[in-house]
Amino acid sequence: MDRRSGFEAVFLDPVGQPVQQRWADAAVAVAFAELPPVSAFPVIPGRRWGPGLWWSATTGRHVAAGSNAMRTQLMVLDRDPHVTGLAGRPVRLTWREERGRVRSWVPQLFARYRDGTGLLADCPSHPEAGGDRAVQAAAAVSAACEEIGWAYRRLAPLDDVLAANLKWLAGYRHPRNAGRPGLAPAVVEAFARPRPLIEGVEAAGDPIEILPAVFHALWHGRVTADLEAPLHEHVMVGPAGWSGPGRTAGGAR
């Protein structure tokens, strides 16, 4: 890649018109987390899961998702307390190879962090997805991100158990599942010391009312469990930051 030619960013303006700008300038000035996809996610015949929308608990807005693998990674980032913004395919990067040929790539996912840095990511369903073109693009996009202090990742698929647990808890991510006023602090208090899930739930009140609030708290990290083991009524749940259950699902930084 000819670094002298630099990188360019292509994105859509507020009225949907494409804009091309020097990458280093766009990274500073453009709110990528608020932009629509610069190009639509493809619909691939025969696949069981197509493009859709993910409602983000972080932003309160929908994020375009192009695959089940991408939706899973959105779940991880949506739980990351360092993430403040998310978007699907908001920017196309272009660059010129040494022989003068123009190349481009649209990363599937953008995340903005609290410190102002960004993450561009792809969400392959398996390590070899995309072939040589994806590998070459990854090297170029990594270089573009490195120049401005951002990061690029090809996010590895999650373990099946962890993915299933996140999918379950994601069903309770909306604020309505926090329950009536005063219930959220009661849930946190019920697990101020680690105890089996059902024990803490019953201590806090009626399980029909309390369980959704506990799952909501688990999603947001206000209480903690080992999400790499199957969730069940006797799983140990503890306070935020508790290291007893082992590693929990975090962000992709």
Protein backbone atom coordinates (compact mmCIF):
# COMPACT_ATOMS: atom_id res chain seq x y z
CA MET A 1 0.00 0.00 0.00
CA ASP A 2 1.28 3.46 -0.92
CA ARG A 3 1.06 5.46 2.28
CA ARG A 4 1.77 8.70 0.38
CA SER A 5 -1.69 8.55 -1.19
CA GLY A 6 -3.35 8.39 2.25
CA PHE A 7 -6.77 7.09 3.22
CA GLU A 8 -10.12 8.61 2.33
CA ALA A 9 -13.46 8.19 4.12
CA VAL A 10 -16.80 7.98 2.32
CA PHE A 11 -20.00 8.43 4.34
CA LEU A 12 -23.52 9.80 3.99
CA ASP A 13 -24.45 13.34 4.98
CA PRO A 14 -27.72 14.13 6.85
CA VAL A 15 -29.72 14.13 3.60
CA GLY A 16 -28.24 10.86 2.39
CA GLN A 17 -25.70 12.22 -0.08
CA PRO A 18 -22.24 10.60 -0.19
CA VAL A 19 -19.34 12.68 1.07
CA GLN A 20 -15.66 11.87 0.54
CA GLN A 21 -13.15 13.34 2.93
CA ARG A 22 -9.59 12.84 4.06
CA TRP A 23 -9.72 10.02 6.62
CA ALA A 24 -7.74 11.79 9.34
CA ASP A 25 -10.07 14.80 9.10
CA ALA A 26 -13.26 12.75 9.04
CA ALA A 27 -12.19 10.74 12.10
CA VAL A 28 -12.03 13.96 14.10
CA ALA A 29 -15.05 15.80 12.72
CA VAL A 30 -17.66 13.16 11.81
CA ALA A 31 -20.03 11.57 14.34
CA PHE A 32 -19.91 8.11 12.77
CA ALA A 33 -22.06 6.60 15.54
CA GLU A 34 -24.99 8.72 14.34
CA LEU A 35 -24.72 7.86 10.64
CA PRO A 36 -26.74 5.34 8.62
CA PRO A 37 -24.97 2.57 6.69
CA VAL A 38 -22.96 3.94 3.79
CA SER A 39 -24.11 0.89 1.83
CA ALA A 40 -26.78 -1.68 2.57
CA PHE A 41 -25.94 -5.02 4.12
CA PRO A 42 -26.27 -7.72 1.45
CA VAL A 43 -29.08 -10.23 1.49
CA ILE A 44 -27.56 -13.63 0.74
CA PRO A 45 -29.98 -16.33 -0.48
CA GLY A 46 -29.98 -19.49 1.61
CA ARG A 47 -28.83 -17.89 4.85
CA ARG A 48 -31.10 -18.37 7.85
CA TRP A 49 -30.42 -14.88 9.20
CA GLY A 50 -30.48 -11.67 7.15
CA PRO A 51 -30.01 -7.96 7.82
CA GLY A 52 -31.98 -6.45 10.66
CA LEU A 53 -31.91 -3.86 13.44
CA TRP A 54 -30.50 -4.10 16.96
CA TRP A 55 -31.94 -1.79 19.62
CA SER A 56 -28.98 -0.49 21.59
CA ALA A 57 -29.32 -0.04 25.34
CA THR A 58 -26.25 2.21 25.13
CA THR A 59 -27.69 4.76 22.71
CA GLY A 60 -31.45 4.12 22.80
CA ARG A 61 -31.39 3.86 18.98
CA HIS A 62 -31.40 1.07 16.44
CA VAL A 63 -28.16 -0.17 14.87
CA ALA A 64 -28.15 -1.90 11.50
CA ALA A 65 -26.85 -5.48 11.70
CA GLY A 66 -26.00 -7.62 8.72
CA SER A 67 -25.59 -11.08 10.20
CA ASN A 68 -26.11 -13.17 13.29
CA ALA A 69 -22.37 -12.96 14.00
CA MET A 70 -22.55 -9.17 13.90
CA ARG A 71 -25.60 -9.08 16.16
CA THR A 72 -23.70 -11.18 18.71
CA GLN A 73 -20.77 -8.75 18.69
CA LEU A 74 -23.20 -5.85 19.04
CA MET A 75 -24.48 -7.51 22.20
CA VAL A 76 -20.94 -7.61 23.62
CA LEU A 77 -20.24 -3.97 22.79
CA ASP A 78 -23.65 -2.82 23.97
CA ARG A 79 -22.77 -4.16 27.45
CA ASP A 80 -19.33 -2.52 27.49
CA PRO A 81 -19.46 0.45 29.91
CA HIS A 82 -16.69 2.16 27.93
CA VAL A 83 -18.79 2.27 24.74
CA THR A 84 -20.89 5.39 24.11
CA GLY A 85 -21.93 4.93 20.47
CA LEU A 86 -22.54 2.18 17.93
CA ALA A 87 -23.26 2.08 14.20
CA GLY A 88 -23.39 -0.46 11.39
CA ARG A 89 -21.30 0.22 8.26
CA PRO A 90 -21.18 4.01 8.67
CA VAL A 91 -17.98 4.56 6.63
CA ARG A 92 -16.17 3.22 3.60
CA LEU A 93 -12.38 3.50 3.62
CA THR A 94 -10.55 3.90 0.32
CA TRP A 95 -6.85 3.84 -0.45
CA ARG A 96 -4.50 3.44 -3.40
CA GLU A 97 -2.16 0.48 -3.81
CA GLU A 98 1.44 0.85 -4.95
CA ARG A 99 0.46 0.16 -8.56
CA GLY A 100 -2.20 2.85 -8.40
CA ARG A 101 -5.28 0.67 -8.07
CA VAL A 102 -7.94 2.08 -5.78
CA ARG A 103 -9.18 -0.28 -3.08
CA SER A 104 -12.00 0.13 -0.60
CA TRP A 105 -13.55 -1.65 2.37
CA VAL A 106 -16.61 -1.07 4.54
CA PRO A 107 -16.06 -2.36 8.10
CA GLN A 108 -19.24 -3.87 9.50
CA LEU A 109 -19.21 -2.13 12.83
CA PHE A 110 -18.17 1.12 14.48
CA ALA A 111 -17.99 1.76 18.23
CA ARG A 112 -17.13 5.01 19.98
CA TYR A 113 -15.45 4.87 23.39
CA ARG A 114 -15.69 7.30 26.29
CA ASP A 115 -12.13 8.50 25.72
CA GLY A 116 -13.08 9.64 22.19
CA THR A 117 -11.30 6.83 20.35
CA GLY A 118 -13.07 4.50 17.96
CA LEU A 119 -13.18 0.88 16.92
CA LEU A 120 -13.79 -0.35 13.40
CA ALA A 121 -14.57 -4.05 13.31
CA ASP A 122 -15.68 -6.93 11.16
CA CYS A 123 -17.63 -9.85 12.53
CA PRO A 124 -16.70 -13.00 10.59
CA SER A 125 -18.68 -16.13 11.30
CA HIS A 126 -15.42 -18.12 11.14
CA PRO A 127 -11.71 -17.16 10.99
CA GLU A 128 -11.38 -17.69 7.21
CA ALA A 129 -14.49 -15.73 6.27
CA GLY A 130 -13.91 -13.24 3.46
CA GLY A 131 -10.79 -14.96 2.10
CA ASP A 132 -7.67 -13.12 0.95
CA ARG A 133 -9.53 -9.91 0.16
CA ALA A 134 -10.68 -9.63 3.77
CA VAL A 135 -7.15 -10.31 5.04
CA GLN A 136 -5.68 -7.60 2.81
CA ALA A 137 -8.42 -5.16 3.75
CA ALA A 138 -7.86 -5.88 7.44
CA ALA A 139 -4.20 -4.90 7.10
CA ALA A 140 -5.12 -1.65 5.36
CA VAL A 141 -7.91 -0.69 7.76
CA SER A 142 -5.66 -1.53 10.72
CA ALA A 143 -3.05 0.85 9.33
CA ALA A 144 -5.65 3.58 8.83
CA CYS A 145 -6.88 3.20 12.40
CA GLU A 146 -3.38 3.09 13.83
CA GLU A 147 -2.59 6.43 12.19
CA ILE A 148 -5.30 8.18 14.21
CA GLY A 149 -5.08 6.22 17.47
CA TRP A 150 -8.10 3.99 16.83
CA ALA A 151 -8.29 0.21 16.55
CA TYR A 152 -9.50 -2.32 14.00
CA ARG A 153 -10.50 -5.87 14.96
CA ARG A 154 -11.81 -8.99 13.30
CA LEU A 155 -13.94 -10.06 16.25
CA ALA A 156 -13.80 -13.78 16.90
CA PRO A 157 -17.10 -15.66 17.31
CA LEU A 158 -18.16 -16.22 20.90
CA ASP A 159 -18.40 -19.54 22.65
CA ASP A 160 -21.90 -21.00 22.20
CA VAL A 161 -22.73 -20.86 25.92
CA LEU A 162 -21.61 -17.25 26.31
CA ALA A 163 -23.50 -16.23 23.17
CA ALA A 164 -26.65 -17.96 24.41
CA ASN A 165 -26.41 -16.26 27.81
CA LEU A 166 -25.96 -12.84 26.24
CA LYS A 167 -28.89 -13.44 23.92
CA TRP A 168 -31.07 -14.35 26.92
CA LEU A 169 -30.02 -11.34 28.98
CA ALA A 170 -30.38 -9.05 25.96
CA GLY A 171 -34.10 -9.75 26.08
CA TYR A 172 -34.14 -7.80 29.36
CA ARG A 173 -31.88 -4.89 28.37
CA HIS A 174 -34.69 -2.34 27.93
CA PRO A 175 -35.20 0.05 30.90
CA ARG A 176 -38.76 -1.20 31.40
CA ASN A 177 -37.31 -4.40 32.86
CA ALA A 178 -35.72 -2.49 35.74
CA GLY A 179 -39.17 -2.65 37.33
CA ARG A 180 -40.96 -0.30 39.66
CA PRO A 181 -39.14 2.53 41.43
CA GLY A 182 -36.87 1.22 44.16
CA LEU A 183 -36.66 -2.29 42.77
CA ALA A 184 -33.27 -1.90 41.09
CA PRO A 185 -31.50 -0.94 44.35
CA ALA A 186 -33.27 -3.82 46.10
CA VAL A 187 -31.92 -6.25 43.50
CA VAL A 188 -28.38 -4.94 43.95
CA GLU A 189 -28.74 -5.20 47.72
CA ALA A 190 -30.03 -8.80 47.43
CA PHE A 191 -26.73 -9.77 45.79
CA ALA A 192 -24.44 -7.59 47.89
CA ARG A 193 -22.90 -10.90 48.88
CA PRO A 194 -22.60 -13.75 46.34
CA ARG A 195 -25.48 -16.20 46.55
CA PRO A 196 -27.44 -18.53 44.24
CA LEU A 197 -29.69 -16.69 41.81
CA ILE A 198 -32.96 -18.09 43.12
CA GLU A 199 -32.00 -17.41 46.74
CA GLY A 200 -31.38 -13.72 46.06
CA VAL A 201 -34.52 -13.44 43.95
CA GLU A 202 -36.72 -14.92 46.66
CA ALA A 203 -35.10 -12.67 49.26
CA ALA A 204 -36.04 -9.61 47.18
CA GLY A 205 -39.69 -10.54 46.62
CA ASP A 206 -41.99 -12.30 44.18
CA PRO A 207 -39.84 -14.13 41.56
CA ILE A 208 -42.30 -13.19 38.79
CA GLU A 209 -41.52 -9.53 39.48
CA ILE A 210 -37.89 -9.87 40.56
CA LEU A 211 -36.41 -12.14 37.87
CA PRO A 212 -36.74 -9.64 34.99
CA ALA A 213 -35.09 -6.99 37.16
CA VAL A 214 -32.23 -9.35 38.02
CA PHE A 215 -31.66 -10.21 34.36
CA HIS A 216 -31.74 -6.48 33.58
CA ALA A 217 -29.13 -5.87 36.26
CA LEU A 218 -26.98 -8.73 34.94
CA TRP A 219 -27.10 -7.26 31.44
CA HIS A 220 -25.99 -3.85 32.69
CA GLY A 221 -23.31 -5.25 35.01
CA ARG A 222 -24.92 -4.03 38.23
CA VAL A 223 -24.69 -7.60 39.48
CA THR A 224 -22.38 -10.30 38.15
CA ALA A 225 -22.44 -13.98 37.21
CA ASP A 226 -20.20 -16.31 35.24
CA LEU A 227 -21.65 -15.95 31.75
CA GLU A 228 -19.32 -18.60 30.35
CA ALA A 229 -21.33 -21.27 32.19
CA PRO A 230 -25.01 -22.01 31.58
CA LEU A 231 -27.41 -19.76 33.47
CA HIS A 232 -29.74 -21.59 35.83
CA GLU A 233 -31.53 -20.92 39.09
CA HIS A 234 -28.57 -21.94 41.25
CA VAL A 235 -25.86 -19.99 39.38
CA MET A 236 -23.88 -17.78 41.75
CA VAL A 237 -24.63 -14.07 41.42
CA GLY A 238 -22.64 -11.37 43.17
CA PRO A 239 -22.09 -7.61 43.26
CA ALA A 240 -20.62 -5.61 40.38
CA GLY A 241 -16.90 -6.24 40.08
CA TRP A 242 -17.06 -9.54 41.95
CA SER A 243 -14.34 -11.81 40.54
CA GLY A 244 -15.61 -15.03 42.06
CA PRO A 245 -17.55 -16.38 39.09
CA GLY A 246 -14.60 -16.02 36.73
CA ARG A 247 -14.35 -13.96 33.57
CA THR A 248 -17.54 -12.32 32.36
CA ALA A 249 -18.37 -10.99 28.92
CA GLY A 250 -16.79 -7.64 28.33
CA GLY A 251 -16.05 -5.37 25.41
CA ALA A 252 -13.76 -5.90 22.46
CA ARG A 253 -11.11 -3.36 23.34
